[in-house]
Amino acid sequence: MSDILGLVASIAICFVAAGIGGFATSRSLRDWYLTLPKPAWNPPNRVFGPVWTVLYGAMAIAAWLVWRVRDERDVSVALAWFGVQLALNVLWSVVFFGLRQPAGGVLVIVLLWVAILATIIAFAPLSLPAALLLVPYLLWVTFASLLNAAIARRVIAPHRR
């Protein structure tokens, strides 16, 4: 029963974070984001929701797998890294979409990328499946970082496309 409650808690935490980020995002999607100069390789908007849903689900399962290793003292460090990356994930949505600051988003997403990598490294000795579940997330954030940087560059120097 404890494991089931842990899984439910992990899913709830991740999807509350997703909801907060989604709220910040939704306020800018229909107007501001549409007007941003984006590169040709920007995916259609309809791709982002399903991708993030899968990634948040994988994040929740990964955190739960590590939490289940409760006896190990490194669990608290690994889960602290997970919390840091989750907070930075939300912060990126707030900065990029909520505050409409693509350049600020670049700074936050770089920190997010580092925190995800640190989380994977911390998870690996405790649960290799948990670490591997975060690899697609790291790859997606790598892509999102490049996209964010391309948008920020176009906003800052619009004549250099």
N, C-alpha and C. Protein backbone atom coordinates (compact mmCIF):
# COMPACT_ATOMS: atom_id res chain seq x y z
N MET A 1 0.82 -1.21 0.00
CA MET A 1 0.00 0.00 0.00
C MET A 1 0.86 1.27 0.00
N SER A 2 1.95 1.21 0.75
CA SER A 2 2.85 2.36 0.81
C SER A 2 3.42 2.69 -0.56
N ASP A 3 3.77 1.64 -1.34
CA ASP A 3 4.31 1.88 -2.69
C ASP A 3 3.28 2.53 -3.60
N ILE A 4 2.03 2.11 -3.48
CA ILE A 4 0.96 2.70 -4.31
C ILE A 4 0.76 4.16 -3.94
N LEU A 5 0.77 4.46 -2.66
CA LEU A 5 0.63 5.86 -2.23
C LEU A 5 1.82 6.70 -2.70
N GLY A 6 3.00 6.10 -2.66
CA GLY A 6 4.19 6.80 -3.15
C GLY A 6 4.08 7.11 -4.63
N LEU A 7 3.58 6.15 -5.41
CA LEU A 7 3.40 6.38 -6.85
C LEU A 7 2.36 7.47 -7.10
N VAL A 8 1.26 7.41 -6.37
CA VAL A 8 0.21 8.43 -6.52
C VAL A 8 0.77 9.81 -6.16
N ALA A 9 1.55 9.87 -5.09
CA ALA A 9 2.15 11.15 -4.68
C ALA A 9 3.11 11.66 -5.74
N SER A 10 3.91 10.77 -6.29
CA SER A 10 4.87 11.16 -7.32
C SER A 10 4.16 11.69 -8.56
N ILE A 11 3.11 10.99 -8.97
CA ILE A 11 2.33 11.44 -10.13
C ILE A 11 1.69 12.79 -9.84
N ALA A 12 1.13 12.93 -8.64
CA ALA A 12 0.47 14.19 -8.28
C ALA A 12 1.46 15.35 -8.28
N ILE A 13 2.62 15.15 -7.70
CA ILE A 13 3.63 16.22 -7.64
C ILE A 13 4.04 16.65 -9.05
N CYS A 14 4.31 15.67 -9.90
CA CYS A 14 4.75 16.00 -11.26
C CYS A 14 3.66 16.70 -12.06
N PHE A 15 2.42 16.24 -11.90
CA PHE A 15 1.36 16.85 -12.71
C PHE A 15 0.84 18.16 -12.11
N VAL A 16 1.07 18.40 -10.83
CA VAL A 16 0.80 19.74 -10.28
C VAL A 16 1.81 20.72 -10.89
N ALA A 17 3.07 20.29 -10.94
CA ALA A 17 4.09 21.14 -11.58
C ALA A 17 3.72 21.39 -13.04
N ALA A 18 3.28 20.34 -13.72
CA ALA A 18 2.85 20.49 -15.12
C ALA A 18 1.69 21.48 -15.22
N GLY A 19 0.76 21.40 -14.30
CA GLY A 19 -0.38 22.31 -14.31
C GLY A 19 0.02 23.75 -14.09
N ILE A 20 0.95 23.98 -13.18
CA ILE A 20 1.42 25.35 -12.94
C ILE A 20 2.11 25.89 -14.19
N GLY A 21 3.00 25.07 -14.75
CA GLY A 21 3.68 25.47 -15.98
C GLY A 21 2.69 25.66 -17.12
N GLY A 22 1.71 24.78 -17.19
CA GLY A 22 0.69 24.88 -18.24
C GLY A 22 -0.13 26.14 -18.12
N PHE A 23 -0.42 26.54 -16.89
CA PHE A 23 -1.18 27.78 -16.67
C PHE A 23 -0.37 28.98 -17.17
N ALA A 24 0.92 29.01 -16.81
CA ALA A 24 1.78 30.12 -17.26
C ALA A 24 1.88 30.12 -18.78
N THR A 25 1.94 28.93 -19.37
CA THR A 25 2.08 28.80 -20.82
C THR A 25 0.80 29.21 -21.55
N SER A 26 -0.32 28.74 -21.06
CA SER A 26 -1.58 28.94 -21.78
C SER A 26 -1.96 30.41 -21.93
N ARG A 27 -1.50 31.22 -21.03
CA ARG A 27 -1.84 32.64 -21.08
C ARG A 27 -1.16 33.35 -22.25
N SER A 28 -0.13 32.71 -22.85
CA SER A 28 0.59 33.35 -23.94
C SER A 28 0.51 32.61 -25.27
N LEU A 29 -0.02 31.41 -25.25
CA LEU A 29 -0.01 30.57 -26.46
C LEU A 29 -0.83 31.15 -27.60
N ARG A 30 -1.96 31.70 -27.32
CA ARG A 30 -2.88 32.12 -28.38
C ARG A 30 -2.58 33.49 -28.97
N ASP A 31 -1.73 34.23 -28.31
CA ASP A 31 -1.42 35.54 -28.88
C ASP A 31 0.09 35.75 -29.00
N TRP A 32 0.77 35.96 -27.91
CA TRP A 32 2.19 36.32 -27.92
C TRP A 32 3.04 35.27 -28.64
N TYR A 33 2.90 34.00 -28.28
CA TYR A 33 3.74 32.95 -28.86
C TYR A 33 3.55 32.86 -30.37
N LEU A 34 2.33 33.07 -30.83
CA LEU A 34 2.07 33.00 -32.27
C LEU A 34 2.83 34.06 -33.06
N THR A 35 3.11 35.19 -32.41
CA THR A 35 3.79 36.29 -33.09
C THR A 35 5.31 36.20 -33.04
N LEU A 36 5.83 35.27 -32.25
CA LEU A 36 7.29 35.16 -32.13
C LEU A 36 7.91 34.66 -33.44
N PRO A 37 9.06 35.21 -33.78
CA PRO A 37 9.78 34.70 -34.96
C PRO A 37 10.45 33.38 -34.60
N LYS A 38 9.97 32.28 -35.19
CA LYS A 38 10.47 30.95 -34.86
C LYS A 38 11.20 30.35 -36.06
N PRO A 39 12.14 29.46 -35.80
CA PRO A 39 12.84 28.81 -36.91
C PRO A 39 11.90 27.84 -37.64
N ALA A 40 12.28 27.47 -38.84
CA ALA A 40 11.46 26.58 -39.67
C ALA A 40 11.28 25.21 -39.02
N TRP A 41 12.22 24.81 -38.17
CA TRP A 41 12.16 23.49 -37.54
C TRP A 41 11.36 23.49 -36.23
N ASN A 42 10.67 24.58 -35.95
CA ASN A 42 9.78 24.63 -34.78
C ASN A 42 8.63 23.64 -35.00
N PRO A 43 8.41 22.71 -34.05
CA PRO A 43 7.30 21.76 -34.24
C PRO A 43 5.94 22.45 -34.16
N PRO A 44 4.91 21.83 -34.72
CA PRO A 44 3.56 22.40 -34.58
C PRO A 44 3.16 22.41 -33.09
N ASN A 45 2.38 23.39 -32.72
CA ASN A 45 1.97 23.51 -31.30
C ASN A 45 1.30 22.25 -30.77
N ARG A 46 0.60 21.52 -31.59
CA ARG A 46 -0.12 20.34 -31.13
C ARG A 46 0.81 19.22 -30.66
N VAL A 47 2.11 19.31 -30.96
CA VAL A 47 3.08 18.29 -30.55
C VAL A 47 3.44 18.43 -29.07
N PHE A 48 3.48 19.65 -28.57
CA PHE A 48 4.02 19.91 -27.24
C PHE A 48 3.21 19.25 -26.11
N GLY A 49 1.90 19.35 -26.15
CA GLY A 49 1.07 18.78 -25.08
C GLY A 49 1.28 17.29 -24.89
N PRO A 50 1.15 16.48 -25.95
CA PRO A 50 1.36 15.04 -25.79
C PRO A 50 2.79 14.68 -25.35
N VAL A 51 3.77 15.37 -25.91
CA VAL A 51 5.16 15.08 -25.53
C VAL A 51 5.36 15.36 -24.05
N TRP A 52 4.91 16.53 -23.58
CA TRP A 52 5.10 16.86 -22.18
C TRP A 52 4.31 15.93 -21.26
N THR A 53 3.15 15.49 -21.68
CA THR A 53 2.37 14.56 -20.86
C THR A 53 3.15 13.26 -20.65
N VAL A 54 3.71 12.73 -21.72
CA VAL A 54 4.51 11.51 -21.61
C VAL A 54 5.74 11.75 -20.74
N LEU A 55 6.40 12.88 -20.94
CA LEU A 55 7.62 13.16 -20.17
C LEU A 55 7.32 13.32 -18.68
N TYR A 56 6.23 14.02 -18.34
CA TYR A 56 5.88 14.16 -16.92
C TYR A 56 5.52 12.81 -16.31
N GLY A 57 4.85 11.96 -17.08
CA GLY A 57 4.55 10.62 -16.59
C GLY A 57 5.82 9.83 -16.33
N ALA A 58 6.77 9.89 -17.26
CA ALA A 58 8.05 9.20 -17.09
C ALA A 58 8.82 9.75 -15.89
N MET A 59 8.76 11.07 -15.71
CA MET A 59 9.43 11.69 -14.56
C MET A 59 8.83 11.17 -13.26
N ALA A 60 7.52 11.08 -13.20
CA ALA A 60 6.84 10.61 -11.98
C ALA A 60 7.24 9.17 -11.67
N ILE A 61 7.26 8.32 -12.67
CA ILE A 61 7.64 6.92 -12.44
C ILE A 61 9.11 6.84 -12.02
N ALA A 62 9.97 7.63 -12.65
CA ALA A 62 11.39 7.63 -12.29
C ALA A 62 11.59 8.04 -10.84
N ALA A 63 10.94 9.10 -10.42
CA ALA A 63 11.08 9.56 -9.03
C ALA A 63 10.56 8.49 -8.07
N TRP A 64 9.46 7.85 -8.42
CA TRP A 64 8.89 6.80 -7.58
C TRP A 64 9.84 5.61 -7.47
N LEU A 65 10.45 5.22 -8.58
CA LEU A 65 11.40 4.10 -8.53
C LEU A 65 12.56 4.39 -7.59
N VAL A 66 13.04 5.62 -7.61
CA VAL A 66 14.14 6.01 -6.71
C VAL A 66 13.63 6.09 -5.27
N TRP A 67 12.46 6.64 -5.07
CA TRP A 67 11.88 6.74 -3.73
C TRP A 67 11.74 5.36 -3.09
N ARG A 68 11.44 4.35 -3.89
CA ARG A 68 11.27 2.99 -3.39
C ARG A 68 12.56 2.40 -2.82
N VAL A 69 13.71 3.00 -3.12
CA VAL A 69 15.00 2.53 -2.63
C VAL A 69 15.29 3.16 -1.27
N ARG A 70 14.30 3.48 -0.53
CA ARG A 70 14.37 4.28 0.70
C ARG A 70 15.56 3.99 1.61
N ASP A 71 16.13 2.81 1.58
CA ASP A 71 17.21 2.47 2.51
C ASP A 71 18.53 3.16 2.19
N GLU A 72 18.68 3.54 0.97
CA GLU A 72 19.94 4.16 0.55
C GLU A 72 19.99 5.62 0.97
N ARG A 73 21.13 6.05 1.51
CA ARG A 73 21.23 7.45 1.93
C ARG A 73 21.30 8.41 0.76
N ASP A 74 21.72 7.94 -0.40
CA ASP A 74 21.80 8.81 -1.58
C ASP A 74 20.44 9.16 -2.16
N VAL A 75 19.39 8.49 -1.69
CA VAL A 75 18.05 8.75 -2.21
C VAL A 75 17.65 10.21 -1.97
N SER A 76 17.97 10.75 -0.80
CA SER A 76 17.57 12.12 -0.51
C SER A 76 18.29 13.11 -1.43
N VAL A 77 19.54 12.85 -1.74
CA VAL A 77 20.28 13.73 -2.66
C VAL A 77 19.67 13.62 -4.07
N ALA A 78 19.39 12.39 -4.50
CA ALA A 78 18.82 12.18 -5.83
C ALA A 78 17.45 12.85 -5.95
N LEU A 79 16.63 12.69 -4.93
CA LEU A 79 15.30 13.30 -4.98
C LEU A 79 15.36 14.82 -4.83
N ALA A 80 16.39 15.30 -4.15
CA ALA A 80 16.58 16.76 -4.07
C ALA A 80 16.90 17.31 -5.47
N TRP A 81 17.76 16.61 -6.21
CA TRP A 81 18.04 17.02 -7.59
C TRP A 81 16.78 16.97 -8.43
N PHE A 82 15.98 15.95 -8.21
CA PHE A 82 14.72 15.84 -8.95
C PHE A 82 13.84 17.06 -8.66
N GLY A 83 13.75 17.44 -7.39
CA GLY A 83 12.97 18.61 -7.01
C GLY A 83 13.50 19.89 -7.64
N VAL A 84 14.81 20.02 -7.71
CA VAL A 84 15.42 21.21 -8.32
C VAL A 84 15.05 21.28 -9.80
N GLN A 85 15.19 20.16 -10.50
CA GLN A 85 14.88 20.19 -11.93
C GLN A 85 13.39 20.44 -12.16
N LEU A 86 12.55 19.89 -11.29
CA LEU A 86 11.11 20.11 -11.45
C LEU A 86 10.76 21.59 -11.23
N ALA A 87 11.38 22.20 -10.23
CA ALA A 87 11.16 23.63 -9.97
C ALA A 87 11.66 24.47 -11.14
N LEU A 88 12.82 24.12 -11.69
CA LEU A 88 13.34 24.86 -12.85
C LEU A 88 12.46 24.66 -14.08
N ASN A 89 11.88 23.50 -14.21
CA ASN A 89 10.95 23.23 -15.30
C ASN A 89 9.77 24.20 -15.24
N VAL A 90 9.20 24.34 -14.06
CA VAL A 90 8.08 25.27 -13.87
C VAL A 90 8.57 26.71 -14.10
N LEU A 91 9.72 27.03 -13.55
CA LEU A 91 10.26 28.39 -13.69
C LEU A 91 10.47 28.76 -15.15
N TRP A 92 10.92 27.79 -15.95
CA TRP A 92 11.11 28.10 -17.37
C TRP A 92 9.79 28.53 -18.02
N SER A 93 8.71 27.80 -17.73
CA SER A 93 7.40 28.18 -18.29
C SER A 93 6.99 29.57 -17.85
N VAL A 94 7.25 29.87 -16.59
CA VAL A 94 6.88 31.18 -16.05
C VAL A 94 7.70 32.28 -16.72
N VAL A 95 9.00 32.05 -16.87
CA VAL A 95 9.86 33.09 -17.46
C VAL A 95 9.60 33.23 -18.96
N PHE A 96 9.64 32.11 -19.69
CA PHE A 96 9.48 32.19 -21.14
C PHE A 96 8.08 32.63 -21.53
N PHE A 97 7.06 31.95 -21.04
CA PHE A 97 5.69 32.24 -21.44
C PHE A 97 5.01 33.27 -20.54
N GLY A 98 5.11 33.08 -19.22
CA GLY A 98 4.40 33.97 -18.30
C GLY A 98 4.94 35.39 -18.34
N LEU A 99 6.26 35.52 -18.29
CA LEU A 99 6.88 36.84 -18.34
C LEU A 99 7.23 37.27 -19.76
N ARG A 100 7.08 36.34 -20.69
CA ARG A 100 7.35 36.59 -22.11
C ARG A 100 8.78 37.08 -22.33
N GLN A 101 9.71 36.31 -21.76
CA GLN A 101 11.12 36.65 -21.81
C GLN A 101 11.94 35.50 -22.39
N PRO A 102 12.01 35.38 -23.71
CA PRO A 102 12.79 34.29 -24.29
C PRO A 102 14.26 34.28 -23.86
N ALA A 103 14.86 35.45 -23.73
CA ALA A 103 16.28 35.49 -23.31
C ALA A 103 16.43 34.98 -21.88
N GLY A 104 15.53 35.36 -21.02
CA GLY A 104 15.55 34.83 -19.65
C GLY A 104 15.30 33.34 -19.64
N GLY A 105 14.45 32.88 -20.57
CA GLY A 105 14.18 31.46 -20.70
C GLY A 105 15.44 30.67 -21.03
N VAL A 106 16.33 31.26 -21.83
CA VAL A 106 17.59 30.58 -22.18
C VAL A 106 18.38 30.28 -20.92
N LEU A 107 18.51 31.26 -20.05
CA LEU A 107 19.26 31.07 -18.80
C LEU A 107 18.63 29.95 -17.97
N VAL A 108 17.32 30.00 -17.81
CA VAL A 108 16.64 29.01 -16.99
C VAL A 108 16.74 27.62 -17.60
N ILE A 109 16.58 27.52 -18.92
CA ILE A 109 16.59 26.19 -19.54
C ILE A 109 17.98 25.56 -19.52
N VAL A 110 19.03 26.38 -19.54
CA VAL A 110 20.38 25.84 -19.39
C VAL A 110 20.55 25.26 -17.99
N LEU A 111 20.08 25.99 -16.99
CA LEU A 111 20.12 25.47 -15.61
C LEU A 111 19.28 24.20 -15.48
N LEU A 112 18.12 24.19 -16.14
CA LEU A 112 17.26 23.01 -16.14
C LEU A 112 17.99 21.82 -16.74
N TRP A 113 18.65 22.01 -17.86
CA TRP A 113 19.38 20.93 -18.52
C TRP A 113 20.43 20.34 -17.58
N VAL A 114 21.18 21.21 -16.92
CA VAL A 114 22.21 20.76 -15.98
C VAL A 114 21.57 19.98 -14.82
N ALA A 115 20.45 20.48 -14.31
CA ALA A 115 19.78 19.81 -13.20
C ALA A 115 19.22 18.45 -13.62
N ILE A 116 18.72 18.34 -14.84
CA ILE A 116 18.23 17.04 -15.33
C ILE A 116 19.40 16.06 -15.43
N LEU A 117 20.52 16.51 -15.98
CA LEU A 117 21.70 15.64 -16.08
C LEU A 117 22.16 15.21 -14.68
N ALA A 118 22.19 16.14 -13.74
CA ALA A 118 22.59 15.80 -12.36
C ALA A 118 21.61 14.79 -11.76
N THR A 119 20.33 14.93 -12.07
CA THR A 119 19.32 13.99 -11.58
C THR A 119 19.56 12.60 -12.16
N ILE A 120 19.82 12.53 -13.45
CA ILE A 120 20.10 11.24 -14.09
C ILE A 120 21.32 10.58 -13.45
N ILE A 121 22.36 11.36 -13.23
CA ILE A 121 23.59 10.84 -12.62
C ILE A 121 23.30 10.35 -11.20
N ALA A 122 22.50 11.10 -10.45
CA ALA A 122 22.17 10.71 -9.08
C ALA A 122 21.24 9.50 -9.04
N PHE A 123 20.35 9.38 -10.02
CA PHE A 123 19.41 8.26 -10.07
C PHE A 123 20.09 6.95 -10.49
N ALA A 124 21.07 7.02 -11.38
CA ALA A 124 21.64 5.82 -12.01
C ALA A 124 22.12 4.75 -11.02
N PRO A 125 22.87 5.09 -9.98
CA PRO A 125 23.31 4.02 -9.08
C PRO A 125 22.18 3.45 -8.21
N LEU A 126 21.11 4.19 -8.08
CA LEU A 126 19.98 3.76 -7.24
C LEU A 126 18.97 2.94 -8.05
N SER A 127 18.71 3.37 -9.29
CA SER A 127 17.77 2.68 -10.17
C SER A 127 18.10 3.06 -11.61
N LEU A 128 18.74 2.15 -12.29
CA LEU A 128 19.08 2.41 -13.69
C LEU A 128 17.83 2.65 -14.53
N PRO A 129 16.74 1.89 -14.34
CA PRO A 129 15.52 2.20 -15.10
C PRO A 129 15.02 3.63 -14.86
N ALA A 130 15.13 4.11 -13.63
CA ALA A 130 14.70 5.49 -13.34
C ALA A 130 15.56 6.49 -14.10
N ALA A 131 16.86 6.26 -14.11
CA ALA A 131 17.76 7.16 -14.85
C ALA A 131 17.44 7.14 -16.34
N LEU A 132 17.21 5.95 -16.87
CA LEU A 132 16.92 5.82 -18.29
C LEU A 132 15.59 6.46 -18.67
N LEU A 133 14.63 6.44 -17.75
CA LEU A 133 13.33 7.10 -18.01
C LEU A 133 13.48 8.61 -18.21
N LEU A 134 14.56 9.18 -17.67
CA LEU A 134 14.77 10.63 -17.79
C LEU A 134 15.56 11.02 -19.03
N VAL A 135 16.12 10.05 -19.74
CA VAL A 135 16.92 10.38 -20.93
C VAL A 135 16.07 11.06 -22.02
N PRO A 136 14.86 10.57 -22.33
CA PRO A 136 14.06 11.30 -23.33
C PRO A 136 13.75 12.73 -22.90
N TYR A 137 13.57 12.94 -21.62
CA TYR A 137 13.33 14.28 -21.07
C TYR A 137 14.56 15.16 -21.34
N LEU A 138 15.75 14.64 -21.07
CA LEU A 138 16.97 15.40 -21.33
C LEU A 138 17.10 15.72 -22.81
N LEU A 139 16.79 14.75 -23.65
CA LEU A 139 16.86 14.98 -25.10
C LEU A 139 15.86 16.04 -25.55
N TRP A 140 14.64 15.97 -25.02
CA TRP A 140 13.62 16.96 -25.38
C TRP A 140 14.03 18.35 -24.89
N VAL A 141 14.58 18.45 -23.69
CA VAL A 141 15.00 19.75 -23.17
C VAL A 141 16.21 20.25 -23.95
N THR A 142 17.04 19.36 -24.46
CA THR A 142 18.14 19.78 -25.34
C THR A 142 17.56 20.45 -26.58
N PHE A 143 16.58 19.79 -27.19
CA PHE A 143 15.91 20.36 -28.36
C PHE A 143 15.23 21.68 -28.00
N ALA A 144 14.51 21.70 -26.87
CA ALA A 144 13.81 22.92 -26.43
C ALA A 144 14.80 24.05 -26.16
N SER A 145 15.99 23.71 -25.67
CA SER A 145 17.02 24.73 -25.42
C SER A 145 17.46 25.38 -26.73
N LEU A 146 17.67 24.55 -27.74
CA LEU A 146 18.06 25.08 -29.04
C LEU A 146 16.95 25.95 -29.63
N LEU A 147 15.73 25.49 -29.49
CA LEU A 147 14.58 26.25 -29.98
C LEU A 147 14.45 27.57 -29.23
N ASN A 148 14.56 27.52 -27.91
CA ASN A 148 14.47 28.73 -27.09
C ASN A 148 15.57 29.72 -27.50
N ALA A 149 16.78 29.22 -27.70
CA ALA A 149 17.89 30.10 -28.08
C ALA A 149 17.65 30.71 -29.47
N ALA A 150 17.12 29.92 -30.39
CA ALA A 150 16.84 30.44 -31.73
C ALA A 150 15.78 31.53 -31.69
N ILE A 151 14.76 31.32 -30.88
CA ILE A 151 13.71 32.34 -30.74
C ILE A 151 14.27 33.59 -30.08
N ALA A 152 15.03 33.41 -29.00
CA ALA A 152 15.60 34.57 -28.30
C ALA A 152 16.50 35.37 -29.24
N ARG A 153 17.29 34.68 -30.04
CA ARG A 153 18.17 35.38 -30.99
C ARG A 153 17.36 36.18 -31.99
N ARG A 154 16.26 35.62 -32.44
CA ARG A 154 15.41 36.32 -33.42
C ARG A 154 14.68 37.51 -32.78
N VAL A 155 14.36 37.39 -31.51
CA VAL A 155 13.69 38.49 -30.82
C VAL A 155 14.67 39.62 -30.54
N ILE A 156 15.89 39.26 -30.13
CA ILE A 156 16.90 40.26 -29.78
C ILE A 156 17.45 40.94 -31.03
N ALA A 157 17.72 40.16 -32.06
CA ALA A 157 18.28 40.69 -33.31
C ALA A 157 17.39 40.23 -34.47
N PRO A 158 16.22 40.81 -34.64
CA PRO A 158 15.28 40.33 -35.65
C PRO A 158 15.79 40.40 -37.10
N HIS A 159 16.73 41.26 -37.36
CA HIS A 159 17.23 41.39 -38.73
C HIS A 159 18.21 40.27 -39.10
N ARG A 160 18.66 39.47 -38.14
CA ARG A 160 19.63 38.40 -38.39
C ARG A 160 18.97 37.03 -38.45
N ARG A 161 18.08 36.80 -39.34
CA ARG A 161 17.42 35.50 -39.44
C ARG A 161 18.20 34.65 -40.36
